[in-house]
Amino acid sequence: MSVNISEDAVKQVVVDSVKKRKNAEKIEVTIVERNREDWIVRGICPIDMEGHPWAEKFEVIVDPKGKVKSVDFALL
């Protein structure tokens, strides 16, 4: 039996994960989609690079149980 996490719960898992990794308060989720069993969540978060504000995009893959499988960050 597989557990299916809701879209809202997936968003919260991703926001919490990105906040913890990037020490950022404002996380903007732009896309949430299903790919077979997994969820793919994309968004943007602000970062501070040596005193200069930048934006970084992220893609997080979450399994049906709510566990983060992978995280990818890239500067915009």
C-alpha atoms as a PDB file:
ATOM      1  CA  MET A   1       0.000   0.000   0.000  1.00  0.00           C
ATOM      2  CA  SER A   2       1.482   3.357  -1.002  1.00  0.00           C
ATOM      3  CA  VAL A   3       0.858   6.534   0.904  1.00  0.00           C
ATOM      4  CA  ASN A   4      -0.182   9.493  -1.230  1.00  0.00           C
ATOM      5  CA  ILE A   5       0.742  12.869   0.175  1.00  0.00           C
ATOM      6  CA  SER A   6      -1.410  15.859  -0.781  1.00  0.00           C
ATOM      7  CA  GLU A   7      -0.201  18.728  -2.971  1.00  0.00           C
ATOM      8  CA  ASP A   8      -0.371  21.158  -0.030  1.00  0.00           C
ATOM      9  CA  ALA A   9       1.681  18.816   2.148  1.00  0.00           C
ATOM     10  CA  VAL A  10       4.261  18.447  -0.650  1.00  0.00           C
ATOM     11  CA  LYS A  11       4.562  22.240  -0.921  1.00  0.00           C
ATOM     12  CA  GLN A  12       5.161  22.493   2.830  1.00  0.00           C
ATOM     13  CA  VAL A  13       7.825  19.753   2.766  1.00  0.00           C
ATOM     14  CA  VAL A  14       9.641  21.578  -0.043  1.00  0.00           C
ATOM     15  CA  VAL A  15       9.392  25.025   1.568  1.00  0.00           C
ATOM     16  CA  ASP A  16      10.734  23.651   4.867  1.00  0.00           C
ATOM     17  CA  SER A  17      13.567  21.828   3.092  1.00  0.00           C
ATOM     18  CA  VAL A  18      14.647  24.832   1.012  1.00  0.00           C
ATOM     19  CA  LYS A  19      14.420  27.190   4.022  1.00  0.00           C
ATOM     20  CA  LYS A  20      16.681  24.869   5.997  1.00  0.00           C
ATOM     21  CA  ARG A  21      19.228  24.414   3.183  1.00  0.00           C
ATOM     22  CA  LYS A  22      19.406  28.046   2.072  1.00  0.00           C
ATOM     23  CA  ASN A  23      18.584  29.861   5.320  1.00  0.00           C
ATOM     24  CA  ALA A  24      15.969  31.856   3.402  1.00  0.00           C
ATOM     25  CA  GLU A  25      12.610  33.037   4.661  1.00  0.00           C
ATOM     26  CA  LYS A  26      10.814  33.763   1.378  1.00  0.00           C
ATOM     27  CA  ILE A  27      10.360  30.677  -0.781  1.00  0.00           C
ATOM     28  CA  GLU A  28       8.186  30.992  -3.885  1.00  0.00           C
ATOM     29  CA  VAL A  29       6.766  27.745  -5.253  1.00  0.00           C
ATOM     30  CA  THR A  30       5.903  28.239  -8.932  1.00  0.00           C
ATOM     31  CA  ILE A  31       5.058  24.742 -10.211  1.00  0.00           C
ATOM     32  CA  VAL A  32       3.861  21.539  -8.530  1.00  0.00           C
ATOM     33  CA  GLU A  33       3.319  18.510 -10.753  1.00  0.00           C
ATOM     34  CA  ARG A  34       3.080  14.732 -10.539  1.00  0.00           C
ATOM     35  CA  ASN A  35       5.456  12.466 -12.431  1.00  0.00           C
ATOM     36  CA  ARG A  36       4.240   8.914 -11.994  1.00  0.00           C
ATOM     37  CA  GLU A  37       4.346   8.474  -8.208  1.00  0.00           C
ATOM     38  CA  ASP A  38       6.703  11.360  -7.388  1.00  0.00           C
ATOM     39  CA  TRP A  39       6.016  15.079  -7.073  1.00  0.00           C
ATOM     40  CA  ILE A  40       8.213  17.631  -8.839  1.00  0.00           C
ATOM     41  CA  VAL A  41       8.215  21.087  -7.264  1.00  0.00           C
ATOM     42  CA  ARG A  42       9.917  24.114  -8.823  1.00  0.00           C
ATOM     43  CA  GLY A  43      10.343  27.589  -7.462  1.00  0.00           C
ATOM     44  CA  ILE A  44      12.583  30.517  -6.603  1.00  0.00           C
ATOM     45  CA  CYS A  45      14.307  31.659  -3.433  1.00  0.00           C
ATOM     46  CA  PRO A  46      16.436  34.729  -2.693  1.00  0.00           C
ATOM     47  CA  ILE A  47      20.047  34.250  -1.645  1.00  0.00           C
ATOM     48  CA  ASP A  48      22.805  36.571  -0.480  1.00  0.00           C
ATOM     49  CA  MET A  49      26.077  36.285  -2.387  1.00  0.00           C
ATOM     50  CA  GLU A  50      28.732  38.325  -0.621  1.00  0.00           C
ATOM     51  CA  GLY A  51      26.285  41.074   0.273  1.00  0.00           C
ATOM     52  CA  HIS A  52      24.468  41.116  -3.072  1.00  0.00           C
ATOM     53  CA  PRO A  53      20.917  39.789  -3.469  1.00  0.00           C
ATOM     54  CA  TRP A  54      20.409  37.118  -6.118  1.00  0.00           C
ATOM     55  CA  ALA A  55      17.624  34.738  -7.031  1.00  0.00           C
ATOM     56  CA  GLU A  56      18.109  31.003  -7.220  1.00  0.00           C
ATOM     57  CA  LYS A  57      15.718  28.537  -8.806  1.00  0.00           C
ATOM     58  CA  PHE A  58      15.177  25.100  -7.356  1.00  0.00           C
ATOM     59  CA  GLU A  59      13.691  21.762  -8.317  1.00  0.00           C
ATOM     60  CA  VAL A  60      12.798  19.282  -5.601  1.00  0.00           C
ATOM     61  CA  ILE A  61      11.546  15.737  -6.147  1.00  0.00           C
ATOM     62  CA  VAL A  62       9.387  14.329  -3.353  1.00  0.00           C
ATOM     63  CA  ASP A  63       8.237  10.702  -3.109  1.00  0.00           C
ATOM     64  CA  PRO A  64       4.602   9.715  -2.370  1.00  0.00           C
ATOM     65  CA  LYS A  65       5.400   9.410   1.350  1.00  0.00           C
ATOM     66  CA  GLY A  66       6.686  12.992   1.576  1.00  0.00           C
ATOM     67  CA  LYS A  67      10.411  12.246   1.592  1.00  0.00           C
ATOM     68  CA  VAL A  68      12.713  14.525  -0.422  1.00  0.00           C
ATOM     69  CA  LYS A  69      14.484  12.382  -3.029  1.00  0.00           C
ATOM     70  CA  SER A  70      16.590  15.075  -4.719  1.00  0.00           C
ATOM     71  CA  VAL A  71      17.185  18.827  -4.731  1.00  0.00           C
ATOM     72  CA  ASP A  72      18.753  20.900  -7.498  1.00  0.00           C
ATOM     73  CA  PHE A  73      19.604  24.612  -7.259  1.00  0.00           C
ATOM     74  CA  ALA A  74      20.755  26.989 -10.034  1.00  0.00           C
ATOM     75  CA  LEU A  75      21.320  30.742 -10.163  1.00  0.00           C
ATOM     76  CA  LEU A  76      18.930  32.718 -12.335  1.00  0.00           C
END
